[in-house]
Amino acid sequence: MPTRFARIGVVMSPIVKLPAAAALLVALVLPAQANQFEFKAAPQTDLNRIYRIDRVTGEVGACQYGLKEGTIGVTFCYPAGEGAGPQKPGEYGLVASHHQKEAGVFRVNYRSGEMSVCYVFNDQVVCTPQATSAAPAGGEGGEQPAAGDSGQRGSGAR
């Protein structure tokens, strides 16, 4: 049975159609897997650190370049530590502030609106508990800084 390709002189047999369909399926699935992670540079202008987040689980890690005598250098990577491990499934991303001396990034959950701040501390990436500015029914919202307090607890660059 000729297909629409017969108009241009190509006839696909059922044997050829199956591999073509499989190739199309692979082409559609591979890009979805390639987007599992997002990467964001720390906003600190004198720090070469890149954060990585798993878009589904919210797990955060980081890597940076370092000098090592006798080599071209090394990549130092920091695993997920306290609060930076997998979270409830969601749609996570990273947002960097425009604060030039901030070494951390915000982990955001685009579905729930929750945010936390992640940074490197003691050779691990740590994240604050997730919070949101919208108060839930119980009246508990994200922790707010005290009056006159900016909420900034340091740059996290350690």
Protein backbone atom coordinates (compact mmCIF):
# COMPACT_ATOMS: atom_id res chain seq x y z
CA MET A 1 0.00 0.00 0.00
CA PRO A 2 1.74 3.21 -1.11
CA THR A 3 1.99 6.11 1.31
CA ARG A 4 1.98 9.84 0.66
CA PHE A 5 5.65 9.48 -0.19
CA ALA A 6 4.64 7.66 -3.36
CA ARG A 7 3.97 11.05 -4.95
CA ILE A 8 7.68 11.76 -4.88
CA GLY A 9 8.70 8.28 -5.95
CA VAL A 10 9.32 6.76 -2.49
CA VAL A 11 7.22 3.85 -1.28
CA MET A 12 7.61 2.83 2.37
CA SER A 13 6.95 -0.76 3.20
CA PRO A 14 5.52 -1.74 6.62
CA ILE A 15 9.02 -2.96 7.59
CA VAL A 16 10.45 0.53 7.03
CA LYS A 17 7.55 2.28 8.81
CA LEU A 18 8.22 0.57 12.17
CA PRO A 19 11.87 1.74 12.53
CA ALA A 20 10.83 5.20 11.34
CA ALA A 21 8.13 5.36 14.02
CA ALA A 22 10.61 4.17 16.66
CA ALA A 23 13.12 6.83 15.59
CA LEU A 24 10.42 9.49 15.86
CA LEU A 25 9.49 8.30 19.35
CA VAL A 26 13.15 8.40 20.46
CA ALA A 27 13.53 11.89 18.99
CA LEU A 28 10.55 13.09 21.03
CA VAL A 29 11.62 11.42 24.30
CA LEU A 30 15.31 12.38 24.34
CA PRO A 31 14.75 16.16 24.46
CA ALA A 32 12.43 15.71 27.45
CA GLN A 33 15.13 13.83 29.32
CA ALA A 34 17.74 16.43 28.33
CA ASN A 35 15.75 19.11 30.19
CA GLN A 36 15.80 17.35 33.57
CA PHE A 37 18.37 19.79 34.97
CA GLU A 38 18.68 23.57 35.08
CA PHE A 39 21.92 25.43 35.73
CA LYS A 40 22.41 28.92 37.17
CA ALA A 41 25.54 30.89 38.00
CA ALA A 42 25.88 32.41 41.46
CA PRO A 43 25.38 36.18 41.24
CA GLN A 44 28.62 36.91 43.14
CA THR A 45 30.80 38.54 40.49
CA ASP A 46 34.12 37.13 41.74
CA LEU A 47 32.90 33.54 42.20
CA ASN A 48 32.89 30.93 39.44
CA ARG A 49 30.22 28.69 40.99
CA ILE A 50 27.37 27.08 39.03
CA TYR A 51 24.33 25.59 40.74
CA ARG A 52 22.40 22.63 39.32
CA ILE A 53 18.81 21.67 40.14
CA ASP A 54 16.78 18.63 39.22
CA ARG A 55 13.60 20.21 37.85
CA VAL A 56 11.34 17.44 39.18
CA THR A 57 12.82 16.63 42.61
CA GLY A 58 14.31 20.03 43.50
CA GLU A 59 17.66 18.48 44.52
CA VAL A 60 20.42 21.11 44.35
CA GLY A 61 24.17 20.68 43.87
CA ALA A 62 26.97 23.02 42.80
CA CYS A 63 30.38 22.94 41.13
CA GLN A 64 33.17 25.44 40.66
CA TYR A 65 36.63 25.64 39.14
CA GLY A 66 39.67 25.50 41.36
CA LEU A 67 43.41 25.73 40.88
CA LYS A 68 45.60 22.71 41.60
CA GLU A 69 49.36 22.85 41.26
CA GLY A 70 50.76 20.88 38.34
CA THR A 71 47.38 20.64 36.55
CA ILE A 72 45.14 22.77 34.39
CA GLY A 73 42.80 22.94 37.38
CA VAL A 74 40.01 20.87 38.85
CA THR A 75 36.26 20.97 39.14
CA PHE A 76 35.13 20.98 42.77
CA CYS A 77 31.59 19.74 43.21
CA TYR A 78 29.44 20.05 46.31
CA PRO A 79 26.73 17.43 46.96
CA ALA A 80 23.29 18.14 48.33
CA GLY A 81 23.37 18.55 52.10
CA GLU A 82 20.75 19.64 54.64
CA GLY A 83 17.58 20.83 52.91
CA ALA A 84 19.11 20.53 49.42
CA GLY A 85 18.12 16.91 48.80
CA PRO A 86 15.03 15.77 46.92
CA GLN A 87 11.79 17.56 47.82
CA LYS A 88 8.18 16.68 47.07
CA PRO A 89 7.76 16.33 43.28
CA GLY A 90 7.13 19.65 41.60
CA GLU A 91 8.39 21.98 38.89
CA TYR A 92 11.59 23.48 40.31
CA GLY A 93 13.97 26.10 39.02
CA LEU A 94 16.79 28.37 40.15
CA VAL A 95 16.69 32.15 40.35
CA ALA A 96 19.73 34.28 41.06
CA SER A 97 19.33 37.64 42.75
CA HIS A 98 21.04 40.69 41.30
CA HIS A 99 23.05 41.11 44.51
CA GLN A 100 26.68 41.14 43.35
CA LYS A 101 28.04 39.66 46.58
CA GLU A 102 25.46 36.88 47.00
CA ALA A 103 26.92 33.40 46.58
CA GLY A 104 23.59 31.57 46.89
CA VAL A 105 20.57 31.16 44.66
CA PHE A 106 16.85 30.76 45.23
CA ARG A 107 15.23 27.36 44.63
CA VAL A 108 11.68 28.01 43.46
CA ASN A 109 8.77 25.63 43.00
CA TYR A 110 6.75 27.06 40.13
CA ARG A 111 3.69 24.96 41.07
CA SER A 112 3.41 25.82 44.77
CA GLY A 113 5.14 29.23 44.85
CA GLU A 114 7.49 28.05 47.60
CA MET A 115 11.07 29.32 47.72
CA SER A 116 14.22 28.59 49.66
CA VAL A 117 17.77 29.90 49.54
CA CYS A 118 20.58 27.48 48.70
CA TYR A 119 24.31 28.05 49.17
CA VAL A 120 27.56 26.17 49.80
CA PHE A 121 28.37 25.61 53.47
CA ASN A 122 31.00 23.19 54.83
CA ASP A 123 31.59 21.47 51.46
CA GLN A 124 27.87 20.82 50.85
CA VAL A 125 24.98 22.69 49.32
CA VAL A 126 22.42 23.52 52.00
CA CYS A 127 19.01 25.10 51.58
CA THR A 128 16.74 26.93 53.99
CA PRO A 129 13.28 25.43 54.58
CA GLN A 130 10.83 26.17 51.78
CA ALA A 131 8.52 29.08 52.44
CA THR A 132 5.98 31.19 50.64
CA SER A 133 4.81 34.76 51.17
CA ALA A 134 1.18 33.67 50.90
CA ALA A 135 -0.18 32.70 54.32
CA PRO A 136 -1.91 29.32 54.30
CA ALA A 137 -5.31 28.79 55.96
CA GLY A 138 -3.64 28.17 59.35
CA GLY A 139 -2.15 31.67 59.27
CA GLU A 140 1.43 30.38 59.11
CA GLY A 141 3.48 31.90 56.33
CA GLY A 142 7.14 32.02 55.50
CA GLU A 143 9.39 33.21 58.29
CA GLN A 144 9.72 36.98 58.16
CA PRO A 145 12.77 39.00 59.31
CA ALA A 146 12.38 41.07 62.47
CA ALA A 147 11.76 44.81 62.12
CA GLY A 148 14.89 46.56 60.92
CA ASP A 149 16.46 43.22 59.91
CA SER A 150 17.08 42.70 56.20
CA GLY A 151 16.90 38.95 56.64
CA GLN A 152 20.39 38.63 55.18
CA ARG A 153 22.52 36.17 57.13
CA GLY A 154 25.71 36.35 55.11
CA SER A 155 26.65 35.56 51.56
CA GLY A 156 27.03 31.83 52.04
CA ALA A 157 30.46 32.03 50.36
CA ARG A 158 32.51 29.83 52.62
